[in-house]
Amino acid sequence: MSFVEIFCLSLALAVDVFGVAFAYGLIIVRHRRRLALRLAGTCGIMQFMMPLPGYVCTAVIDSWISRFDYLLVFSVFLALGLNVIREAVTEENGAAPFKRRRRLSWKTVLTIGIATSIDAFVSGTMLYLTKTPLLPAAVVIGFVSFVTGLLGFNLIYCFKKVPEKYLQITAGLVLIALGFKNLLAHFM
């Protein structure tokens, strides 16, 4: 694969990272820089690392993970999206007094990193089959995902005047849409 092809692959793999980062960028209020770096960094590292096992275990991936990867990604995004919407609706009714203390735990960020990098895991197969050197491709994939995550997270500055409740609900819907996108991509 040429550099342009690897870069295009990286952009395609980073779409989920962008969507998740954008969704969480809409709802995170405090410690934004630190949490943006945590989310983008984790996703970038996971996107960098995940082609490795795919590259090494091409035969296993094709027969094992391809059967259910779309369901795993869909389930994770659906659960995250429903949780964000639930928090928005609960806060609207006054049942969540710690509204401004929302943050991204390492557990959540790691789950997001894994969920967004399953495609990168599978892309390792393609890298192997096209005889593409693994390390340069993985570096480009990880870097593009990191930058895309930072950009997505910081788009909130375009939406400062919109009430937070609507941003939260939108963020949840974006996460759910990403899950459905991955589900539908499996059937197309």
N, C-alpha and C. Protein backbone atom coordinates (compact mmCIF):
# COMPACT_ATOMS: atom_id res chain seq x y z
N MET A 1 0.84 -1.18 0.00
CA MET A 1 0.00 0.00 0.00
C MET A 1 0.88 1.24 0.00
N SER A 2 0.46 2.26 -0.71
CA SER A 2 1.20 3.52 -0.74
C SER A 2 0.86 4.35 0.51
N PHE A 3 1.61 5.41 0.74
CA PHE A 3 1.33 6.27 1.88
C PHE A 3 -0.07 6.87 1.79
N VAL A 4 -0.48 7.27 0.60
CA VAL A 4 -1.82 7.85 0.43
C VAL A 4 -2.89 6.83 0.80
N GLU A 5 -2.71 5.59 0.40
CA GLU A 5 -3.67 4.54 0.75
C GLU A 5 -3.69 4.28 2.26
N ILE A 6 -2.51 4.28 2.87
CA ILE A 6 -2.45 4.09 4.32
C ILE A 6 -3.11 5.27 5.03
N PHE A 7 -2.89 6.48 4.53
CA PHE A 7 -3.51 7.66 5.14
C PHE A 7 -5.03 7.60 5.00
N CYS A 8 -5.53 7.20 3.85
CA CYS A 8 -6.99 7.06 3.66
C CYS A 8 -7.55 5.98 4.58
N LEU A 9 -6.84 4.88 4.71
CA LEU A 9 -7.25 3.84 5.66
C LEU A 9 -7.30 4.41 7.07
N SER A 10 -6.29 5.20 7.42
CA SER A 10 -6.23 5.81 8.76
C SER A 10 -7.43 6.73 9.01
N LEU A 11 -7.79 7.52 8.00
CA LEU A 11 -8.96 8.39 8.14
C LEU A 11 -10.23 7.57 8.32
N ALA A 12 -10.35 6.51 7.57
CA ALA A 12 -11.55 5.66 7.69
C ALA A 12 -11.62 5.03 9.08
N LEU A 13 -10.47 4.59 9.59
CA LEU A 13 -10.44 3.99 10.92
C LEU A 13 -10.70 5.02 12.01
N ALA A 14 -10.36 6.28 11.75
CA ALA A 14 -10.49 7.34 12.76
C ALA A 14 -11.90 7.93 12.83
N VAL A 15 -12.79 7.54 11.94
CA VAL A 15 -14.15 8.09 11.96
C VAL A 15 -14.84 7.81 13.30
N ASP A 16 -14.73 6.60 13.79
CA ASP A 16 -15.36 6.27 15.07
C ASP A 16 -14.72 7.06 16.22
N VAL A 17 -13.41 7.22 16.17
CA VAL A 17 -12.72 8.00 17.21
C VAL A 17 -13.24 9.44 17.19
N PHE A 18 -13.38 10.00 16.01
CA PHE A 18 -13.89 11.37 15.88
C PHE A 18 -15.30 11.47 16.47
N GLY A 19 -16.16 10.53 16.11
CA GLY A 19 -17.54 10.57 16.61
C GLY A 19 -17.63 10.45 18.11
N VAL A 20 -16.87 9.53 18.69
CA VAL A 20 -16.89 9.36 20.14
C VAL A 20 -16.30 10.59 20.83
N ALA A 21 -15.19 11.08 20.31
CA ALA A 21 -14.56 12.26 20.91
C ALA A 21 -15.48 13.47 20.82
N PHE A 22 -16.16 13.61 19.70
CA PHE A 22 -17.11 14.71 19.55
C PHE A 22 -18.24 14.58 20.57
N ALA A 23 -18.76 13.38 20.72
CA ALA A 23 -19.86 13.15 21.65
C ALA A 23 -19.44 13.48 23.08
N TYR A 24 -18.28 13.00 23.49
CA TYR A 24 -17.83 13.29 24.85
C TYR A 24 -17.38 14.74 25.00
N GLY A 25 -16.88 15.34 23.94
CA GLY A 25 -16.54 16.76 23.99
C GLY A 25 -17.75 17.63 24.25
N LEU A 26 -18.92 17.18 23.83
CA LEU A 26 -20.15 17.92 24.07
C LEU A 26 -20.58 17.90 25.54
N ILE A 27 -20.24 16.85 26.26
CA ILE A 27 -20.77 16.71 27.61
C ILE A 27 -19.74 16.93 28.72
N ILE A 28 -18.46 16.91 28.41
CA ILE A 28 -17.44 17.12 29.44
C ILE A 28 -17.30 18.61 29.68
N VAL A 29 -17.36 19.00 30.95
CA VAL A 29 -17.30 20.41 31.30
C VAL A 29 -15.97 20.78 31.96
N ARG A 30 -15.53 19.97 32.89
CA ARG A 30 -14.32 20.28 33.64
C ARG A 30 -13.14 19.44 33.16
N HIS A 31 -11.95 19.96 33.33
CA HIS A 31 -10.71 19.25 32.98
C HIS A 31 -10.70 18.82 31.52
N ARG A 32 -11.16 19.68 30.66
CA ARG A 32 -11.31 19.35 29.24
C ARG A 32 -9.99 18.97 28.56
N ARG A 33 -8.94 19.74 28.80
CA ARG A 33 -7.66 19.44 28.12
C ARG A 33 -7.14 18.08 28.52
N ARG A 34 -7.14 17.83 29.80
CA ARG A 34 -6.62 16.55 30.30
C ARG A 34 -7.45 15.38 29.77
N LEU A 35 -8.77 15.53 29.81
CA LEU A 35 -9.63 14.44 29.36
C LEU A 35 -9.60 14.27 27.84
N ALA A 36 -9.42 15.38 27.10
CA ALA A 36 -9.28 15.28 25.64
C ALA A 36 -8.01 14.51 25.30
N LEU A 37 -6.92 14.82 26.00
CA LEU A 37 -5.66 14.10 25.77
C LEU A 37 -5.79 12.63 26.19
N ARG A 38 -6.49 12.38 27.28
CA ARG A 38 -6.68 11.00 27.75
C ARG A 38 -7.45 10.19 26.70
N LEU A 39 -8.54 10.75 26.21
CA LEU A 39 -9.37 10.03 25.23
C LEU A 39 -8.64 9.87 23.90
N ALA A 40 -8.11 10.97 23.36
CA ALA A 40 -7.42 10.92 22.07
C ALA A 40 -6.16 10.05 22.16
N GLY A 41 -5.43 10.19 23.26
CA GLY A 41 -4.21 9.40 23.43
C GLY A 41 -4.50 7.91 23.52
N THR A 42 -5.50 7.55 24.30
CA THR A 42 -5.85 6.13 24.43
C THR A 42 -6.32 5.56 23.10
N CYS A 43 -7.18 6.30 22.41
CA CYS A 43 -7.66 5.83 21.11
C CYS A 43 -6.51 5.73 20.11
N GLY A 44 -5.61 6.72 20.11
CA GLY A 44 -4.46 6.69 19.20
C GLY A 44 -3.56 5.50 19.49
N ILE A 45 -3.29 5.25 20.77
CA ILE A 45 -2.44 4.11 21.14
C ILE A 45 -3.10 2.79 20.76
N MET A 46 -4.39 2.68 21.03
CA MET A 46 -5.09 1.44 20.69
C MET A 46 -5.12 1.23 19.17
N GLN A 47 -5.36 2.32 18.42
CA GLN A 47 -5.36 2.22 16.95
C GLN A 47 -3.97 1.84 16.44
N PHE A 48 -2.92 2.30 17.12
CA PHE A 48 -1.56 1.95 16.75
C PHE A 48 -1.27 0.47 17.05
N MET A 49 -1.74 0.00 18.20
CA MET A 49 -1.40 -1.35 18.65
C MET A 49 -2.24 -2.45 17.98
N MET A 50 -3.49 -2.17 17.68
CA MET A 50 -4.40 -3.22 17.25
C MET A 50 -4.09 -3.86 15.89
N PRO A 51 -3.47 -3.16 14.94
CA PRO A 51 -3.12 -3.88 13.70
C PRO A 51 -2.10 -5.00 13.93
N LEU A 52 -1.31 -4.90 14.99
CA LEU A 52 -0.30 -5.92 15.28
C LEU A 52 -0.87 -7.32 15.40
N PRO A 53 -1.83 -7.55 16.30
CA PRO A 53 -2.38 -8.92 16.38
C PRO A 53 -3.08 -9.34 15.10
N GLY A 54 -3.72 -8.39 14.41
CA GLY A 54 -4.37 -8.72 13.15
C GLY A 54 -3.37 -9.14 12.09
N TYR A 55 -2.24 -8.46 12.10
CA TYR A 55 -1.17 -8.76 11.15
C TYR A 55 -0.61 -10.16 11.41
N VAL A 56 -0.41 -10.47 12.69
CA VAL A 56 0.21 -11.74 13.07
C VAL A 56 -0.77 -12.90 12.97
N CYS A 57 -2.00 -12.68 13.29
CA CYS A 57 -2.98 -13.78 13.37
C CYS A 57 -4.03 -13.70 12.27
N THR A 58 -3.62 -13.43 11.06
CA THR A 58 -4.56 -13.23 9.96
C THR A 58 -5.56 -14.37 9.82
N ALA A 59 -5.13 -15.55 9.85
CA ALA A 59 -6.04 -16.69 9.66
C ALA A 59 -7.05 -16.79 10.79
N VAL A 60 -6.62 -16.54 12.01
CA VAL A 60 -7.51 -16.63 13.17
C VAL A 60 -8.55 -15.52 13.13
N ILE A 61 -8.13 -14.32 12.78
CA ILE A 61 -9.05 -13.18 12.73
C ILE A 61 -10.18 -13.43 11.75
N ASP A 62 -9.83 -13.91 10.59
CA ASP A 62 -10.83 -14.10 9.56
C ASP A 62 -11.91 -15.08 9.98
N SER A 63 -11.52 -16.13 10.65
CA SER A 63 -12.51 -17.15 11.01
C SER A 63 -13.17 -16.90 12.37
N TRP A 64 -12.58 -16.08 13.21
CA TRP A 64 -13.09 -15.92 14.58
C TRP A 64 -13.75 -14.56 14.82
N ILE A 65 -13.00 -13.48 14.70
CA ILE A 65 -13.51 -12.17 15.09
C ILE A 65 -14.51 -11.61 14.09
N SER A 66 -14.36 -11.92 12.82
CA SER A 66 -15.24 -11.35 11.81
C SER A 66 -16.69 -11.81 11.98
N ARG A 67 -16.90 -12.87 12.73
CA ARG A 67 -18.26 -13.36 12.95
C ARG A 67 -19.05 -12.49 13.92
N PHE A 68 -18.38 -11.80 14.84
CA PHE A 68 -19.13 -11.07 15.85
C PHE A 68 -18.58 -9.68 16.17
N ASP A 69 -17.58 -9.18 15.45
CA ASP A 69 -17.00 -7.88 15.78
C ASP A 69 -18.03 -6.76 15.67
N TYR A 70 -18.90 -6.83 14.69
CA TYR A 70 -19.91 -5.79 14.51
C TYR A 70 -20.90 -5.76 15.68
N LEU A 71 -21.21 -6.91 16.26
CA LEU A 71 -22.12 -6.95 17.41
C LEU A 71 -21.45 -6.38 18.66
N LEU A 72 -20.18 -6.65 18.83
CA LEU A 72 -19.44 -6.12 19.97
C LEU A 72 -19.37 -4.60 19.90
N VAL A 73 -19.00 -4.07 18.75
CA VAL A 73 -18.90 -2.62 18.58
C VAL A 73 -20.28 -1.98 18.76
N PHE A 74 -21.30 -2.56 18.16
CA PHE A 74 -22.65 -2.03 18.29
C PHE A 74 -23.09 -2.00 19.76
N SER A 75 -22.84 -3.07 20.49
CA SER A 75 -23.25 -3.15 21.89
C SER A 75 -22.57 -2.10 22.76
N VAL A 76 -21.28 -1.91 22.54
CA VAL A 76 -20.53 -0.93 23.34
C VAL A 76 -21.05 0.48 23.05
N PHE A 77 -21.18 0.85 21.78
CA PHE A 77 -21.66 2.19 21.44
C PHE A 77 -23.10 2.41 21.90
N LEU A 78 -23.94 1.40 21.77
CA LEU A 78 -25.32 1.52 22.21
C LEU A 78 -25.38 1.75 23.72
N ALA A 79 -24.61 0.98 24.47
CA ALA A 79 -24.60 1.14 25.94
C ALA A 79 -24.08 2.51 26.35
N LEU A 80 -23.00 2.97 25.73
CA LEU A 80 -22.47 4.29 26.06
C LEU A 80 -23.48 5.38 25.71
N GLY A 81 -24.09 5.29 24.53
CA GLY A 81 -25.07 6.30 24.11
C GLY A 81 -26.29 6.34 25.00
N LEU A 82 -26.82 5.18 25.35
CA LEU A 82 -27.99 5.14 26.23
C LEU A 82 -27.66 5.68 27.62
N ASN A 83 -26.45 5.42 28.09
CA ASN A 83 -26.03 5.94 29.38
C ASN A 83 -25.96 7.47 29.37
N VAL A 84 -25.41 8.04 28.31
CA VAL A 84 -25.32 9.50 28.20
C VAL A 84 -26.72 10.12 28.15
N ILE A 85 -27.63 9.52 27.38
CA ILE A 85 -29.00 10.04 27.29
C ILE A 85 -29.71 9.90 28.64
N ARG A 86 -29.51 8.77 29.31
CA ARG A 86 -30.11 8.57 30.63
C ARG A 86 -29.64 9.64 31.60
N GLU A 87 -28.36 9.95 31.59
CA GLU A 87 -27.84 11.00 32.46
C GLU A 87 -28.47 12.35 32.14
N ALA A 88 -28.65 12.66 30.86
CA ALA A 88 -29.25 13.94 30.47
C ALA A 88 -30.68 14.03 30.95
N VAL A 89 -31.45 12.96 30.79
CA VAL A 89 -32.85 12.96 31.20
C VAL A 89 -32.95 12.99 32.72
N THR A 90 -32.09 12.25 33.41
CA THR A 90 -32.10 12.24 34.88
C THR A 90 -31.75 13.61 35.42
N GLU A 91 -30.77 14.27 34.84
CA GLU A 91 -30.39 15.61 35.28
C GLU A 91 -31.50 16.61 35.04
N GLU A 92 -32.25 16.41 33.95
CA GLU A 92 -33.36 17.31 33.66
C GLU A 92 -34.39 17.27 34.78
N ASN A 93 -34.59 16.10 35.36
CA ASN A 93 -35.56 15.95 36.44
C ASN A 93 -34.98 16.28 37.80
N GLY A 94 -33.74 16.71 37.85
CA GLY A 94 -33.13 17.13 39.10
C GLY A 94 -32.61 15.99 39.96
N ALA A 95 -32.50 14.79 39.42
CA ALA A 95 -32.09 13.65 40.23
C ALA A 95 -30.58 13.46 40.28
N ALA A 96 -29.83 14.23 39.49
CA ALA A 96 -28.37 14.08 39.47
C ALA A 96 -27.72 15.38 39.92
N PRO A 97 -27.43 15.53 41.21
CA PRO A 97 -26.91 16.78 41.73
C PRO A 97 -25.47 17.07 41.36
N PHE A 98 -24.73 16.11 40.82
CA PHE A 98 -23.32 16.31 40.55
C PHE A 98 -23.06 16.53 39.06
N LYS A 99 -23.90 17.31 38.44
CA LYS A 99 -23.87 17.53 37.01
C LYS A 99 -22.50 18.00 36.51
N ARG A 100 -21.86 18.88 37.19
CA ARG A 100 -20.60 19.46 36.74
C ARG A 100 -19.39 18.58 37.04
N ARG A 101 -19.57 17.44 37.67
CA ARG A 101 -18.46 16.58 38.03
C ARG A 101 -18.24 15.45 37.04
N ARG A 102 -18.91 15.53 35.89
CA ARG A 102 -18.79 14.50 34.87
C ARG A 102 -17.35 14.41 34.41
N ARG A 103 -16.87 13.18 34.24
CA ARG A 103 -15.50 12.97 33.77
C ARG A 103 -15.42 11.63 33.06
N LEU A 104 -14.30 11.42 32.43
CA LEU A 104 -14.05 10.16 31.74
C LEU A 104 -13.09 9.32 32.57
N SER A 105 -13.58 8.24 33.12
CA SER A 105 -12.70 7.36 33.90
C SER A 105 -11.79 6.59 32.95
N TRP A 106 -10.71 6.07 33.49
CA TRP A 106 -9.80 5.26 32.68
C TRP A 106 -10.50 4.02 32.14
N LYS A 107 -11.40 3.45 32.93
CA LYS A 107 -12.14 2.27 32.49
C LYS A 107 -12.99 2.59 31.26
N THR A 108 -13.69 3.73 31.30
CA THR A 108 -14.51 4.14 30.17
C THR A 108 -13.65 4.42 28.95
N VAL A 109 -12.55 5.14 29.15
CA VAL A 109 -11.67 5.49 28.04
C VAL A 109 -11.06 4.23 27.42
N LEU A 110 -10.67 3.28 28.24
CA LEU A 110 -10.11 2.04 27.70
C LEU A 110 -11.16 1.26 26.92
N THR A 111 -12.38 1.24 27.42
CA THR A 111 -13.47 0.57 26.69
C THR A 111 -13.70 1.24 25.34
N ILE A 112 -13.70 2.57 25.34
CA ILE A 112 -13.87 3.32 24.09
C ILE A 112 -12.70 3.01 23.15
N GLY A 113 -11.49 3.00 23.69
CA GLY A 113 -10.31 2.72 22.87
C GLY A 113 -10.39 1.36 22.20
N ILE A 114 -10.83 0.37 22.94
CA ILE A 114 -10.96 -0.98 22.38
C ILE A 114 -12.08 -1.02 21.34
N ALA A 115 -13.22 -0.44 21.67
CA ALA A 115 -14.36 -0.47 20.76
C ALA A 115 -14.05 0.24 19.44
N THR A 116 -13.34 1.37 19.52
CA THR A 116 -13.05 2.11 18.29
C THR A 116 -11.91 1.50 17.49
N SER A 117 -11.16 0.59 18.09
CA SER A 117 -10.00 0.04 17.38
C SER A 117 -10.20 -1.38 16.88
N ILE A 118 -11.38 -1.92 16.99
CA ILE A 118 -11.64 -3.27 16.47
C ILE A 118 -11.43 -3.29 14.95
N ASP A 119 -11.83 -2.22 14.28
CA ASP A 119 -11.59 -2.15 12.84
C ASP A 119 -10.10 -2.13 12.54
N ALA A 120 -9.31 -1.46 13.38
CA ALA A 120 -7.85 -1.44 13.19
C ALA A 120 -7.28 -2.83 13.39
N PHE A 121 -7.86 -3.57 14.31
CA PHE A 121 -7.47 -4.96 14.55
C PHE A 121 -7.64 -5.76 13.26
N VAL A 122 -8.79 -5.61 12.64
CA VAL A 122 -9.09 -6.33 11.42
C VAL A 122 -8.25 -5.80 10.25
N SER A 123 -7.93 -4.49 10.27
CA SER A 123 -7.12 -3.93 9.18
C SER A 123 -5.72 -4.52 9.15
N GLY A 124 -5.25 -5.05 10.27
CA GLY A 124 -3.96 -5.73 10.28
C GLY A 124 -3.93 -6.88 9.28
N THR A 125 -5.06 -7.52 9.08
CA THR A 125 -5.16 -8.59 8.08
C THR A 125 -4.88 -8.04 6.69
N MET A 126 -5.50 -6.90 6.39
CA MET A 126 -5.30 -6.29 5.08
C MET A 126 -3.85 -5.85 4.90
N LEU A 127 -3.26 -5.31 5.94
CA LEU A 127 -1.86 -4.90 5.85
C LEU A 127 -0.97 -6.10 5.55
N TYR A 128 -1.26 -7.21 6.19
CA TYR A 128 -0.48 -8.43 5.95
C TYR A 128 -0.66 -8.93 4.52
N LEU A 129 -1.91 -8.98 4.07
CA LEU A 129 -2.21 -9.52 2.73
C LEU A 129 -1.65 -8.64 1.61
N THR A 130 -1.52 -7.34 1.87
CA THR A 130 -0.97 -6.44 0.84
C THR A 130 0.53 -6.24 0.99
N LYS A 131 1.13 -7.00 1.91
CA LYS A 131 2.58 -6.93 2.14
C LYS A 131 3.05 -5.52 2.51
N THR A 132 2.22 -4.80 3.26
CA THR A 132 2.55 -3.45 3.72
C THR A 132 3.36 -3.55 5.00
N PRO A 133 4.46 -2.81 5.10
CA PRO A 133 5.23 -2.83 6.35
C PRO A 133 4.35 -2.38 7.52
N LEU A 134 4.35 -3.16 8.58
CA LEU A 134 3.44 -2.94 9.70
C LEU A 134 3.72 -1.66 10.48
N LEU A 135 4.95 -1.45 10.90
CA LEU A 135 5.27 -0.34 11.80
C LEU A 135 4.93 1.04 11.20
N PRO A 136 5.36 1.36 9.98
CA PRO A 136 4.98 2.68 9.45
C PRO A 136 3.47 2.85 9.32
N ALA A 137 2.78 1.81 8.90
CA ALA A 137 1.32 1.89 8.76
C ALA A 137 0.67 2.09 10.13
N ALA A 138 1.11 1.36 11.14
CA ALA A 138 0.54 1.48 12.48
C ALA A 138 0.79 2.87 13.07
N VAL A 139 1.96 3.44 12.81
CA VAL A 139 2.27 4.79 13.31
C VAL A 139 1.31 5.80 12.67
N VAL A 140 1.11 5.71 11.37
CA VAL A 140 0.20 6.64 10.69
C VAL A 140 -1.22 6.46 11.22
N ILE A 141 -1.67 5.24 11.37
CA ILE A 141 -3.03 4.97 11.87
C ILE A 141 -3.20 5.54 13.27
N GLY A 142 -2.25 5.31 14.15
CA GLY A 142 -2.34 5.82 15.52
C GLY A 142 -2.30 7.34 15.58
N PHE A 143 -1.41 7.95 14.81
CA PHE A 143 -1.29 9.41 14.82
C PHE A 143 -2.54 10.09 14.29
N VAL A 144 -3.06 9.58 13.18
CA VAL A 144 -4.27 10.16 12.60
C VAL A 144 -5.44 10.03 13.58
N SER A 145 -5.55 8.91 14.26
CA SER A 145 -6.63 8.73 15.25
C SER A 145 -6.48 9.69 16.42
N PHE A 146 -5.25 9.90 16.88
CA PHE A 146 -5.00 10.84 17.98
C PHE A 146 -5.42 12.26 17.58
N VAL A 147 -4.96 12.73 16.43
CA VAL A 147 -5.29 14.09 15.98
C VAL A 147 -6.79 14.23 15.75
N THR A 148 -7.39 13.22 15.14
CA THR A 148 -8.83 13.25 14.88
C THR A 148 -9.62 13.28 16.19
N GLY A 149 -9.16 12.54 17.19
CA GLY A 149 -9.81 12.55 18.50
C GLY A 149 -9.75 13.93 19.14
N LEU A 150 -8.60 14.57 19.07
CA LEU A 150 -8.47 15.93 19.63
C LEU A 150 -9.39 16.91 18.90
N LEU A 151 -9.42 16.82 17.58
CA LEU A 151 -10.30 17.71 16.81
C LEU A 151 -11.77 17.49 17.16
N GLY A 152 -12.18 16.25 17.21
CA GLY A 152 -13.58 15.95 17.53
C GLY A 152 -13.96 16.43 18.91
N PHE A 153 -13.10 16.22 19.88
CA PHE A 153 -13.39 16.61 21.26
C PHE A 153 -13.54 18.13 21.39
N ASN A 154 -12.75 18.87 20.63
CA ASN A 154 -12.73 20.32 20.79
C ASN A 154 -13.67 21.07 19.87
N LEU A 155 -14.51 20.37 19.13
CA LEU A 155 -15.51 21.06 18.32
C LEU A 155 -16.61 21.70 19.17
N ILE A 156 -16.61 21.44 20.45
CA ILE A 156 -17.62 22.02 21.35
C ILE A 156 -17.62 23.53 21.30
N TYR A 157 -16.50 24.12 21.01
CA TYR A 157 -16.42 25.58 21.00
C TYR A 157 -17.32 26.19 19.94
N CYS A 158 -17.77 25.39 19.00
CA CYS A 158 -18.74 25.86 18.00
C CYS A 158 -20.17 25.83 18.56
N PHE A 159 -20.38 25.17 19.70
CA PHE A 159 -21.72 24.95 20.22
C PHE A 159 -21.91 25.50 21.64
N LYS A 160 -21.17 26.52 22.02
CA LYS A 160 -21.21 27.02 23.39
C LYS A 160 -22.58 27.53 23.83
N LYS A 161 -23.39 28.06 22.93
CA LYS A 161 -24.66 28.68 23.32
C LYS A 161 -25.83 27.71 23.38
N VAL A 162 -25.61 26.48 23.00
CA VAL A 162 -26.67 25.47 23.02
C VAL A 162 -26.78 24.91 24.45
N PRO A 163 -28.00 24.78 24.99
CA PRO A 163 -28.16 24.23 26.35
C PRO A 163 -27.52 22.84 26.48
N GLU A 164 -26.88 22.61 27.60
CA GLU A 164 -26.11 21.38 27.83
C GLU A 164 -26.96 20.12 27.70
N LYS A 165 -28.20 20.17 28.15
CA LYS A 165 -29.07 19.00 28.08
C LYS A 165 -29.22 18.52 26.63
N TYR A 166 -29.39 19.44 25.71
CA TYR A 166 -29.55 19.07 24.30
C TYR A 166 -28.25 18.53 23.72
N LEU A 167 -27.13 19.08 24.17
CA LEU A 167 -25.84 18.57 23.73
C LEU A 167 -25.62 17.14 24.22
N GLN A 168 -26.04 16.87 25.45
CA GLN A 168 -25.90 15.52 26.00
C GLN A 168 -26.74 14.52 25.21
N ILE A 169 -27.97 14.87 24.95
CA ILE A 169 -28.85 13.98 24.20
C ILE A 169 -28.29 13.76 22.80
N THR A 170 -27.79 14.83 22.18
CA THR A 170 -27.16 14.71 20.86
C THR A 170 -25.95 13.80 20.92
N ALA A 171 -25.15 13.95 21.97
CA ALA A 171 -23.96 13.11 22.13
C ALA A 171 -24.36 11.63 22.23
N GLY A 172 -25.38 11.35 23.02
CA GLY A 172 -25.86 9.97 23.14
C GLY A 172 -26.36 9.43 21.81
N LEU A 173 -27.07 10.26 21.06
CA LEU A 173 -27.57 9.83 19.76
C LEU A 173 -26.42 9.58 18.77
N VAL A 174 -25.36 10.41 18.86
CA VAL A 174 -24.19 10.20 17.99
C VAL A 174 -23.55 8.84 18.30
N LEU A 175 -23.40 8.53 19.59
CA LEU A 175 -22.82 7.24 19.97
C LEU A 175 -23.67 6.07 19.47
N ILE A 176 -24.98 6.19 19.63
CA ILE A 176 -25.88 5.14 19.14
C ILE A 176 -25.80 5.04 17.62
N ALA A 177 -25.73 6.18 16.93
CA ALA A 177 -25.61 6.17 15.47
C ALA A 177 -24.32 5.48 15.03
N LEU A 178 -23.23 5.71 15.76
CA LEU A 178 -21.98 5.02 15.43
C LEU A 178 -22.14 3.51 15.57
N GLY A 179 -22.86 3.09 16.59
CA GLY A 179 -23.12 1.66 16.75
C GLY A 179 -23.91 1.10 15.59
N PHE A 180 -24.96 1.82 15.18
CA PHE A 180 -25.77 1.36 14.04
C PHE A 180 -24.97 1.40 12.74
N LYS A 181 -24.09 2.40 12.59
CA LYS A 181 -23.24 2.47 11.39
C LYS A 181 -22.38 1.22 11.28
N ASN A 182 -21.79 0.81 12.39
CA ASN A 182 -20.96 -0.39 12.39
C ASN A 182 -21.80 -1.64 12.13
N LEU A 183 -22.99 -1.67 12.69
CA LEU A 183 -23.89 -2.81 12.47
C LEU A 183 -24.31 -2.90 11.00
N LEU A 184 -24.71 -1.78 10.42
CA LEU A 184 -25.14 -1.76 9.03
C LEU A 184 -23.99 -2.03 8.07
N ALA A 185 -22.78 -1.56 8.42
CA ALA A 185 -21.62 -1.79 7.56
C ALA A 185 -21.35 -3.29 7.41
N HIS A 186 -21.68 -4.04 8.42
CA HIS A 186 -21.47 -5.50 8.35
C HIS A 186 -22.37 -6.13 7.31
N PHE A 187 -23.56 -5.60 7.14
CA PHE A 187 -24.53 -6.20 6.23
C PHE A 187 -24.47 -5.63 4.82
N MET A 188 -23.63 -4.65 4.59
CA MET A 188 -23.53 -4.04 3.25
C MET A 188 -22.27 -4.47 2.55
